[in-house]
mmCIF file of all heavy atoms, coordinates in Angstrom:
data_MODEL
# 
_entry.id   MODEL 
# 
loop_
_atom_site.group_PDB 
_atom_site.id 
_atom_site.type_symbol 
_atom_site.label_atom_id 
_atom_site.label_alt_id 
_atom_site.label_comp_id 
_atom_site.label_asym_id 
_atom_site.label_entity_id 
_atom_site.label_seq_id 
_atom_site.pdbx_PDB_ins_code 
_atom_site.Cartn_x 
_atom_site.Cartn_y 
_atom_site.Cartn_z 
_atom_site.occupancy 
_atom_site.B_iso_or_equiv 
_atom_site.pdbx_formal_charge 
_atom_site.auth_seq_id 
_atom_site.auth_comp_id 
_atom_site.auth_asym_id 
_atom_site.auth_atom_id 
_atom_site.pdbx_PDB_model_num 
ATOM 1   N N   . ASP A 1 1  ? 202.259 -1.165 131.479 1.00 0.00 ? 1  ASP A N   1 
ATOM 2   C CA  . ASP A 1 1  ? 201.356 -0.573 130.440 1.00 0.00 ? 1  ASP A CA  1 
ATOM 3   C C   . ASP A 1 1  ? 200.612 0.711  130.674 1.00 0.00 ? 1  ASP A C   1 
ATOM 4   O O   . ASP A 1 1  ? 200.011 1.355  129.839 1.00 0.00 ? 1  ASP A O   1 
ATOM 5   C CB  . ASP A 1 1  ? 200.270 -1.631 129.992 1.00 0.00 ? 1  ASP A CB  1 
ATOM 6   C CG  . ASP A 1 1  ? 200.947 -2.894 129.442 1.00 0.00 ? 1  ASP A CG  1 
ATOM 7   O OD1 . ASP A 1 1  ? 201.975 -2.904 128.889 1.00 0.00 ? 1  ASP A OD1 1 
ATOM 8   O OD2 . ASP A 1 1  ? 200.201 -3.889 129.559 1.00 0.00 ? 1  ASP A OD2 1 
ATOM 9   N N   . ILE A 1 2  ? 200.690 1.105  131.879 1.00 0.00 ? 2  ILE A N   1 
ATOM 10  C CA  . ILE A 1 2  ? 199.881 2.236  132.369 1.00 0.00 ? 2  ILE A CA  1 
ATOM 11  C C   . ILE A 1 2  ? 200.789 3.324  132.914 1.00 0.00 ? 2  ILE A C   1 
ATOM 12  O O   . ILE A 1 2  ? 201.610 3.088  133.857 1.00 0.00 ? 2  ILE A O   1 
ATOM 13  C CB  . ILE A 1 2  ? 198.825 1.885  133.413 1.00 0.00 ? 2  ILE A CB  1 
ATOM 14  C CG1 . ILE A 1 2  ? 198.067 0.675  132.849 1.00 0.00 ? 2  ILE A CG1 1 
ATOM 15  C CG2 . ILE A 1 2  ? 197.945 3.022  133.778 1.00 0.00 ? 2  ILE A CG2 1 
ATOM 16  C CD1 . ILE A 1 2  ? 197.088 0.118  133.909 1.00 0.00 ? 2  ILE A CD1 1 
ATOM 17  N N   . ALA A 1 3  ? 200.501 4.616  132.530 1.00 0.00 ? 3  ALA A N   1 
ATOM 18  C CA  . ALA A 1 3  ? 201.271 5.801  133.057 1.00 0.00 ? 3  ALA A CA  1 
ATOM 19  C C   . ALA A 1 3  ? 200.409 6.331  134.126 1.00 0.00 ? 3  ALA A C   1 
ATOM 20  O O   . ALA A 1 3  ? 199.184 6.158  134.143 1.00 0.00 ? 3  ALA A O   1 
ATOM 21  C CB  . ALA A 1 3  ? 201.540 6.754  131.986 1.00 0.00 ? 3  ALA A CB  1 
ATOM 22  N N   . GLY A 1 4  ? 201.166 6.985  135.007 1.00 0.00 ? 4  GLY A N   1 
ATOM 23  C CA  . GLY A 1 4  ? 200.338 7.717  136.216 1.00 0.00 ? 4  GLY A CA  1 
ATOM 24  C C   . GLY A 1 4  ? 200.246 9.217  135.896 1.00 0.00 ? 4  GLY A C   1 
ATOM 25  O O   . GLY A 1 4  ? 201.018 9.798  135.243 1.00 0.00 ? 4  GLY A O   1 
ATOM 26  N N   . LEU A 1 5  ? 199.116 9.638  136.388 1.00 0.00 ? 5  LEU A N   1 
ATOM 27  C CA  . LEU A 1 5  ? 198.713 11.065 136.115 1.00 0.00 ? 5  LEU A CA  1 
ATOM 28  C C   . LEU A 1 5  ? 198.466 11.778 137.532 1.00 0.00 ? 5  LEU A C   1 
ATOM 29  O O   . LEU A 1 5  ? 197.742 11.204 138.224 1.00 0.00 ? 5  LEU A O   1 
ATOM 30  C CB  . LEU A 1 5  ? 197.451 11.155 135.313 1.00 0.00 ? 5  LEU A CB  1 
ATOM 31  C CG  . LEU A 1 5  ? 196.740 12.549 135.380 1.00 0.00 ? 5  LEU A CG  1 
ATOM 32  C CD1 . LEU A 1 5  ? 197.447 13.641 134.760 1.00 0.00 ? 5  LEU A CD1 1 
ATOM 33  C CD2 . LEU A 1 5  ? 195.314 12.304 134.608 1.00 0.00 ? 5  LEU A CD2 1 
ATOM 34  N N   . TRP A 1 6  ? 199.118 12.822 137.769 1.00 0.00 ? 6  TRP A N   1 
ATOM 35  C CA  . TRP A 1 6  ? 198.986 13.688 138.992 1.00 0.00 ? 6  TRP A CA  1 
ATOM 36  C C   . TRP A 1 6  ? 198.565 15.022 138.526 1.00 0.00 ? 6  TRP A C   1 
ATOM 37  O O   . TRP A 1 6  ? 199.301 15.591 137.762 1.00 0.00 ? 6  TRP A O   1 
ATOM 38  C CB  . TRP A 1 6  ? 200.269 13.752 139.807 1.00 0.00 ? 6  TRP A CB  1 
ATOM 39  C CG  . TRP A 1 6  ? 200.571 12.444 140.553 1.00 0.00 ? 6  TRP A CG  1 
ATOM 40  C CD1 . TRP A 1 6  ? 200.346 12.086 141.809 1.00 0.00 ? 6  TRP A CD1 1 
ATOM 41  C CD2 . TRP A 1 6  ? 201.285 11.267 140.085 1.00 0.00 ? 6  TRP A CD2 1 
ATOM 42  N NE1 . TRP A 1 6  ? 200.789 10.843 142.148 1.00 0.00 ? 6  TRP A NE1 1 
ATOM 43  C CE2 . TRP A 1 6  ? 201.340 10.336 141.044 1.00 0.00 ? 6  TRP A CE2 1 
ATOM 44  C CE3 . TRP A 1 6  ? 201.827 10.989 138.770 1.00 0.00 ? 6  TRP A CE3 1 
ATOM 45  C CZ2 . TRP A 1 6  ? 201.941 9.108  140.909 1.00 0.00 ? 6  TRP A CZ2 1 
ATOM 46  C CZ3 . TRP A 1 6  ? 202.377 9.705  138.612 1.00 0.00 ? 6  TRP A CZ3 1 
ATOM 47  C CH2 . TRP A 1 6  ? 202.393 8.710  139.649 1.00 0.00 ? 6  TRP A CH2 1 
ATOM 48  N N   . SER A 1 7  ? 197.624 15.614 139.164 1.00 0.00 ? 7  SER A N   1 
ATOM 49  C CA  . SER A 1 7  ? 197.356 17.038 139.002 1.00 0.00 ? 7  SER A CA  1 
ATOM 50  C C   . SER A 1 7  ? 196.350 17.619 139.952 1.00 0.00 ? 7  SER A C   1 
ATOM 51  O O   . SER A 1 7  ? 195.463 16.950 140.424 1.00 0.00 ? 7  SER A O   1 
ATOM 52  C CB  . SER A 1 7  ? 196.508 17.190 137.520 1.00 0.00 ? 7  SER A CB  1 
ATOM 53  O OG  . SER A 1 7  ? 196.254 18.526 137.355 1.00 0.00 ? 7  SER A OG  1 
ATOM 54  N N   . PRO A 1 8  ? 196.669 18.806 140.415 1.00 0.00 ? 8  PRO A N   1 
ATOM 55  C CA  . PRO A 1 8  ? 195.673 19.433 141.384 1.00 0.00 ? 8  PRO A CA  1 
ATOM 56  C C   . PRO A 1 8  ? 194.476 20.036 140.765 1.00 0.00 ? 8  PRO A C   1 
ATOM 57  O O   . PRO A 1 8  ? 193.434 20.364 141.255 1.00 0.00 ? 8  PRO A O   1 
ATOM 58  C CB  . PRO A 1 8  ? 196.516 20.593 141.996 1.00 0.00 ? 8  PRO A CB  1 
ATOM 59  C CG  . PRO A 1 8  ? 197.569 20.874 140.951 1.00 0.00 ? 8  PRO A CG  1 
ATOM 60  C CD  . PRO A 1 8  ? 197.798 19.528 140.278 1.00 0.00 ? 8  PRO A CD  1 
ATOM 61  N N   . SER A 1 9  ? 194.468 20.015 139.358 1.00 0.00 ? 9  SER A N   1 
ATOM 62  C CA  . SER A 1 9  ? 193.370 20.485 138.538 1.00 0.00 ? 9  SER A CA  1 
ATOM 63  C C   . SER A 1 9  ? 192.568 19.303 138.057 1.00 0.00 ? 9  SER A C   1 
ATOM 64  O O   . SER A 1 9  ? 193.039 18.593 137.161 1.00 0.00 ? 9  SER A O   1 
ATOM 65  C CB  . SER A 1 9  ? 193.898 21.329 137.354 1.00 0.00 ? 9  SER A CB  1 
ATOM 66  O OG  . SER A 1 9  ? 192.888 21.637 136.356 1.00 0.00 ? 9  SER A OG  1 
ATOM 67  N N   . ASP A 1 10 ? 191.260 19.227 138.534 1.00 0.00 ? 10 ASP A N   1 
ATOM 68  C CA  . ASP A 1 10 ? 190.371 18.241 137.922 1.00 0.00 ? 10 ASP A CA  1 
ATOM 69  C C   . ASP A 1 10 ? 190.090 18.380 136.433 1.00 0.00 ? 10 ASP A C   1 
ATOM 70  O O   . ASP A 1 10 ? 189.871 17.529 135.767 1.00 0.00 ? 10 ASP A O   1 
ATOM 71  C CB  . ASP A 1 10 ? 189.067 18.268 138.808 1.00 0.00 ? 10 ASP A CB  1 
ATOM 72  C CG  . ASP A 1 10 ? 189.134 17.800 140.254 1.00 0.00 ? 10 ASP A CG  1 
ATOM 73  O OD1 . ASP A 1 10 ? 190.165 17.133 140.537 1.00 0.00 ? 10 ASP A OD1 1 
ATOM 74  O OD2 . ASP A 1 10 ? 188.289 18.181 141.056 1.00 0.00 ? 10 ASP A OD2 1 
ATOM 75  N N   . THR A 1 11 ? 189.990 19.652 136.149 1.00 0.00 ? 11 THR A N   1 
ATOM 76  C CA  . THR A 1 11 ? 189.699 19.976 134.661 1.00 0.00 ? 11 THR A CA  1 
ATOM 77  C C   . THR A 1 11 ? 190.793 19.508 133.777 1.00 0.00 ? 11 THR A C   1 
ATOM 78  O O   . THR A 1 11 ? 190.511 18.755 132.808 1.00 0.00 ? 11 THR A O   1 
ATOM 79  C CB  . THR A 1 11 ? 189.462 21.417 134.419 1.00 0.00 ? 11 THR A CB  1 
ATOM 80  O OG1 . THR A 1 11 ? 188.473 21.989 135.315 1.00 0.00 ? 11 THR A OG1 1 
ATOM 81  C CG2 . THR A 1 11 ? 189.256 21.818 132.974 1.00 0.00 ? 11 THR A CG2 1 
ATOM 82  N N   . LEU A 1 12 ? 192.054 19.753 134.084 1.00 0.00 ? 12 LEU A N   1 
ATOM 83  C CA  . LEU A 1 12 ? 193.243 19.330 133.236 1.00 0.00 ? 12 LEU A CA  1 
ATOM 84  C C   . LEU A 1 12 ? 193.329 17.819 133.287 1.00 0.00 ? 12 LEU A C   1 
ATOM 85  O O   . LEU A 1 12 ? 193.635 17.191 132.265 1.00 0.00 ? 12 LEU A O   1 
ATOM 86  C CB  . LEU A 1 12 ? 194.453 20.147 133.761 1.00 0.00 ? 12 LEU A CB  1 
ATOM 87  C CG  . LEU A 1 12 ? 195.776 19.701 133.112 1.00 0.00 ? 12 LEU A CG  1 
ATOM 88  C CD1 . LEU A 1 12 ? 195.609 20.016 131.581 1.00 0.00 ? 12 LEU A CD1 1 
ATOM 89  C CD2 . LEU A 1 12 ? 196.836 20.530 133.636 1.00 0.00 ? 12 LEU A CD2 1 
ATOM 90  N N   . ALA A 1 13 ? 193.068 17.244 134.546 1.00 0.00 ? 13 ALA A N   1 
ATOM 91  C CA  . ALA A 1 13 ? 193.189 15.806 134.639 1.00 0.00 ? 13 ALA A CA  1 
ATOM 92  C C   . ALA A 1 13 ? 192.093 15.137 133.641 1.00 0.00 ? 13 ALA A C   1 
ATOM 93  O O   . ALA A 1 13 ? 192.393 14.118 132.984 1.00 0.00 ? 13 ALA A O   1 
ATOM 94  C CB  . ALA A 1 13 ? 193.092 15.337 136.013 1.00 0.00 ? 13 ALA A CB  1 
ATOM 95  N N   . ALA A 1 14 ? 190.984 15.718 133.652 1.00 0.00 ? 14 ALA A N   1 
ATOM 96  C CA  . ALA A 1 14 ? 189.896 15.095 132.844 1.00 0.00 ? 14 ALA A CA  1 
ATOM 97  C C   . ALA A 1 14 ? 190.193 15.306 131.392 1.00 0.00 ? 14 ALA A C   1 
ATOM 98  O O   . ALA A 1 14 ? 190.010 14.349 130.631 1.00 0.00 ? 14 ALA A O   1 
ATOM 99  C CB  . ALA A 1 14 ? 188.516 15.751 133.034 1.00 0.00 ? 14 ALA A CB  1 
ATOM 100 N N   . GLU A 1 15 ? 190.894 16.379 130.994 1.00 0.00 ? 15 GLU A N   1 
ATOM 101 C CA  . GLU A 1 15 ? 191.148 16.645 129.618 1.00 0.00 ? 15 GLU A CA  1 
ATOM 102 C C   . GLU A 1 15 ? 192.269 15.534 129.185 1.00 0.00 ? 15 GLU A C   1 
ATOM 103 O O   . GLU A 1 15 ? 192.138 14.988 128.022 1.00 0.00 ? 15 GLU A O   1 
ATOM 104 C CB  . GLU A 1 15 ? 191.753 18.030 129.478 1.00 0.00 ? 15 GLU A CB  1 
ATOM 105 C CG  . GLU A 1 15 ? 190.851 19.236 129.450 1.00 0.00 ? 15 GLU A CG  1 
ATOM 106 C CD  . GLU A 1 15 ? 191.507 20.535 129.538 1.00 0.00 ? 15 GLU A CD  1 
ATOM 107 O OE1 . GLU A 1 15 ? 192.686 20.672 129.431 1.00 0.00 ? 15 GLU A OE1 1 
ATOM 108 O OE2 . GLU A 1 15 ? 190.774 21.572 129.569 1.00 0.00 ? 15 GLU A OE2 1 
ATOM 109 N N   . LEU A 1 16 ? 193.270 15.289 129.991 1.00 0.00 ? 16 LEU A N   1 
ATOM 110 C CA  . LEU A 1 16 ? 194.246 14.445 129.641 1.00 0.00 ? 16 LEU A CA  1 
ATOM 111 C C   . LEU A 1 16 ? 193.753 12.994 129.641 1.00 0.00 ? 16 LEU A C   1 
ATOM 112 O O   . LEU A 1 16 ? 194.180 12.201 128.851 1.00 0.00 ? 16 LEU A O   1 
ATOM 113 C CB  . LEU A 1 16 ? 195.464 14.528 130.619 1.00 0.00 ? 16 LEU A CB  1 
ATOM 114 C CG  . LEU A 1 16 ? 196.254 15.843 130.523 1.00 0.00 ? 16 LEU A CG  1 
ATOM 115 C CD1 . LEU A 1 16 ? 197.130 16.031 131.701 1.00 0.00 ? 16 LEU A CD1 1 
ATOM 116 C CD2 . LEU A 1 16 ? 197.176 15.750 129.169 1.00 0.00 ? 16 LEU A CD2 1 
ATOM 117 N N   . SER A 1 17 ? 192.980 12.666 130.518 1.00 0.00 ? 17 SER A N   1 
ATOM 118 C CA  . SER A 1 17 ? 192.280 11.267 130.579 1.00 0.00 ? 17 SER A CA  1 
ATOM 119 C C   . SER A 1 17 ? 191.519 11.195 129.284 1.00 0.00 ? 17 SER A C   1 
ATOM 120 O O   . SER A 1 17 ? 191.611 9.961  128.746 1.00 0.00 ? 17 SER A O   1 
ATOM 121 C CB  . SER A 1 17 ? 191.439 11.081 131.818 1.00 0.00 ? 17 SER A CB  1 
ATOM 122 O OG  . SER A 1 17 ? 192.216 11.192 132.984 1.00 0.00 ? 17 SER A OG  1 
ATOM 123 N N   . ALA A 1 18 ? 190.753 12.084 128.805 1.00 0.00 ? 18 ALA A N   1 
ATOM 124 C CA  . ALA A 1 18 ? 189.938 11.942 127.620 1.00 0.00 ? 18 ALA A CA  1 
ATOM 125 C C   . ALA A 1 18 ? 190.832 11.804 126.472 1.00 0.00 ? 18 ALA A C   1 
ATOM 126 O O   . ALA A 1 18 ? 190.503 11.061 125.577 1.00 0.00 ? 18 ALA A O   1 
ATOM 127 C CB  . ALA A 1 18 ? 188.974 13.082 127.518 1.00 0.00 ? 18 ALA A CB  1 
ATOM 128 N N   . ALA A 1 19 ? 191.967 12.531 126.355 1.00 0.00 ? 19 ALA A N   1 
ATOM 129 C CA  . ALA A 1 19 ? 192.850 12.436 125.253 1.00 0.00 ? 19 ALA A CA  1 
ATOM 130 C C   . ALA A 1 19 ? 193.600 11.212 125.196 1.00 0.00 ? 19 ALA A C   1 
ATOM 131 O O   . ALA A 1 19 ? 193.736 10.532 124.130 1.00 0.00 ? 19 ALA A O   1 
ATOM 132 C CB  . ALA A 1 19 ? 193.944 13.663 125.364 1.00 0.00 ? 19 ALA A CB  1 
ATOM 133 N N   . ALA A 1 20 ? 193.944 10.579 126.365 1.00 0.00 ? 20 ALA A N   1 
ATOM 134 C CA  . ALA A 1 20 ? 194.630 9.299  126.547 1.00 0.00 ? 20 ALA A CA  1 
ATOM 135 C C   . ALA A 1 20 ? 193.550 8.098  125.973 1.00 0.00 ? 20 ALA A C   1 
ATOM 136 O O   . ALA A 1 20 ? 194.021 7.257  125.274 1.00 0.00 ? 20 ALA A O   1 
ATOM 137 C CB  . ALA A 1 20 ? 195.089 9.019  127.763 1.00 0.00 ? 20 ALA A CB  1 
ATOM 138 N N   . GLU A 1 21 ? 192.359 8.229  126.415 1.00 0.00 ? 21 GLU A N   1 
ATOM 139 C CA  . GLU A 1 21 ? 191.293 7.348  125.937 1.00 0.00 ? 21 GLU A CA  1 
ATOM 140 C C   . GLU A 1 21 ? 191.136 7.351  124.440 1.00 0.00 ? 21 GLU A C   1 
ATOM 141 O O   . GLU A 1 21 ? 191.246 6.326  123.699 1.00 0.00 ? 21 GLU A O   1 
ATOM 142 C CB  . GLU A 1 21 ? 190.019 7.738  126.555 1.00 0.00 ? 21 GLU A CB  1 
ATOM 143 C CG  . GLU A 1 21 ? 188.688 6.877  126.048 1.00 0.00 ? 21 GLU A CG  1 
ATOM 144 C CD  . GLU A 1 21 ? 188.723 5.611  126.708 1.00 0.00 ? 21 GLU A CD  1 
ATOM 145 O OE1 . GLU A 1 21 ? 189.392 5.285  127.757 1.00 0.00 ? 21 GLU A OE1 1 
ATOM 146 O OE2 . GLU A 1 21 ? 188.017 4.675  126.183 1.00 0.00 ? 21 GLU A OE2 1 
ATOM 147 N N   . LYS A 1 22 ? 191.227 8.610  123.861 1.00 0.00 ? 22 LYS A N   1 
ATOM 148 C CA  . LYS A 1 22 ? 191.138 8.685  122.399 1.00 0.00 ? 22 LYS A CA  1 
ATOM 149 C C   . LYS A 1 22 ? 192.299 8.128  121.662 1.00 0.00 ? 22 LYS A C   1 
ATOM 150 O O   . LYS A 1 22 ? 192.242 7.533  120.562 1.00 0.00 ? 22 LYS A O   1 
ATOM 151 C CB  . LYS A 1 22 ? 190.764 10.237 122.046 1.00 0.00 ? 22 LYS A CB  1 
ATOM 152 C CG  . LYS A 1 22 ? 190.344 10.358 120.594 1.00 0.00 ? 22 LYS A CG  1 
ATOM 153 C CD  . LYS A 1 22 ? 189.987 11.855 120.353 1.00 0.00 ? 22 LYS A CD  1 
ATOM 154 C CE  . LYS A 1 22 ? 189.434 12.096 118.900 1.00 0.00 ? 22 LYS A CE  1 
ATOM 155 N NZ  . LYS A 1 22 ? 188.972 13.425 118.885 1.00 0.00 ? 22 LYS A NZ  1 
ATOM 156 N N   . ALA A 1 23 ? 193.410 8.369  122.291 1.00 0.00 ? 23 ALA A N   1 
ATOM 157 C CA  . ALA A 1 23 ? 194.726 7.963  121.694 1.00 0.00 ? 23 ALA A CA  1 
ATOM 158 C C   . ALA A 1 23 ? 194.991 6.403  121.901 1.00 0.00 ? 23 ALA A C   1 
ATOM 159 O O   . ALA A 1 23 ? 195.796 5.840  121.176 1.00 0.00 ? 23 ALA A O   1 
ATOM 160 C CB  . ALA A 1 23 ? 195.883 8.620  122.235 1.00 0.00 ? 23 ALA A CB  1 
ATOM 161 N N   . GLY A 1 24 ? 194.287 5.788  122.842 1.00 0.00 ? 24 GLY A N   1 
ATOM 162 C CA  . GLY A 1 24 ? 194.562 4.342  123.085 1.00 0.00 ? 24 GLY A CA  1 
ATOM 163 C C   . GLY A 1 24 ? 195.756 4.118  124.068 1.00 0.00 ? 24 GLY A C   1 
ATOM 164 O O   . GLY A 1 24 ? 196.336 3.102  124.043 1.00 0.00 ? 24 GLY A O   1 
ATOM 165 N N   . GLU A 1 25 ? 196.216 5.287  124.694 1.00 0.00 ? 25 GLU A N   1 
ATOM 166 C CA  . GLU A 1 25 ? 197.296 5.217  125.706 1.00 0.00 ? 25 GLU A CA  1 
ATOM 167 C C   . GLU A 1 25 ? 196.788 5.217  127.057 1.00 0.00 ? 25 GLU A C   1 
ATOM 168 O O   . GLU A 1 25 ? 196.162 6.056  127.504 1.00 0.00 ? 25 GLU A O   1 
ATOM 169 C CB  . GLU A 1 25 ? 198.287 6.307  125.401 1.00 0.00 ? 25 GLU A CB  1 
ATOM 170 C CG  . GLU A 1 25 ? 198.893 6.238  123.939 1.00 0.00 ? 25 GLU A CG  1 
ATOM 171 C CD  . GLU A 1 25 ? 199.942 7.328  123.719 1.00 0.00 ? 25 GLU A CD  1 
ATOM 172 O OE1 . GLU A 1 25 ? 199.720 8.527  124.245 1.00 0.00 ? 25 GLU A OE1 1 
ATOM 173 O OE2 . GLU A 1 25 ? 200.971 6.987  123.097 1.00 0.00 ? 25 GLU A OE2 1 
ATOM 174 N N   . LYS A 1 26 ? 197.151 4.112  127.840 1.00 0.00 ? 26 LYS A N   1 
ATOM 175 C CA  . LYS A 1 26 ? 196.502 4.027  129.159 1.00 0.00 ? 26 LYS A CA  1 
ATOM 176 C C   . LYS A 1 26 ? 197.128 4.988  130.219 1.00 0.00 ? 26 LYS A C   1 
ATOM 177 O O   . LYS A 1 26 ? 198.375 5.100  130.384 1.00 0.00 ? 26 LYS A O   1 
ATOM 178 C CB  . LYS A 1 26 ? 196.721 2.505  129.627 1.00 0.00 ? 26 LYS A CB  1 
ATOM 179 C CG  . LYS A 1 26 ? 195.872 1.577  128.762 1.00 0.00 ? 26 LYS A CG  1 
ATOM 180 C CD  . LYS A 1 26 ? 196.164 0.036  129.237 1.00 0.00 ? 26 LYS A CD  1 
ATOM 181 C CE  . LYS A 1 26 ? 195.376 -0.828 128.278 1.00 0.00 ? 26 LYS A CE  1 
ATOM 182 N NZ  . LYS A 1 26 ? 195.465 -2.261 128.642 1.00 0.00 ? 26 LYS A NZ  1 
# 
């Protein structure tokens, strides 16, 4: 149920995590 996220950018990782939260995709 959960996808993995890798990024050297904390900013981009935070943006994607927030987008996934809004979308309901883990």
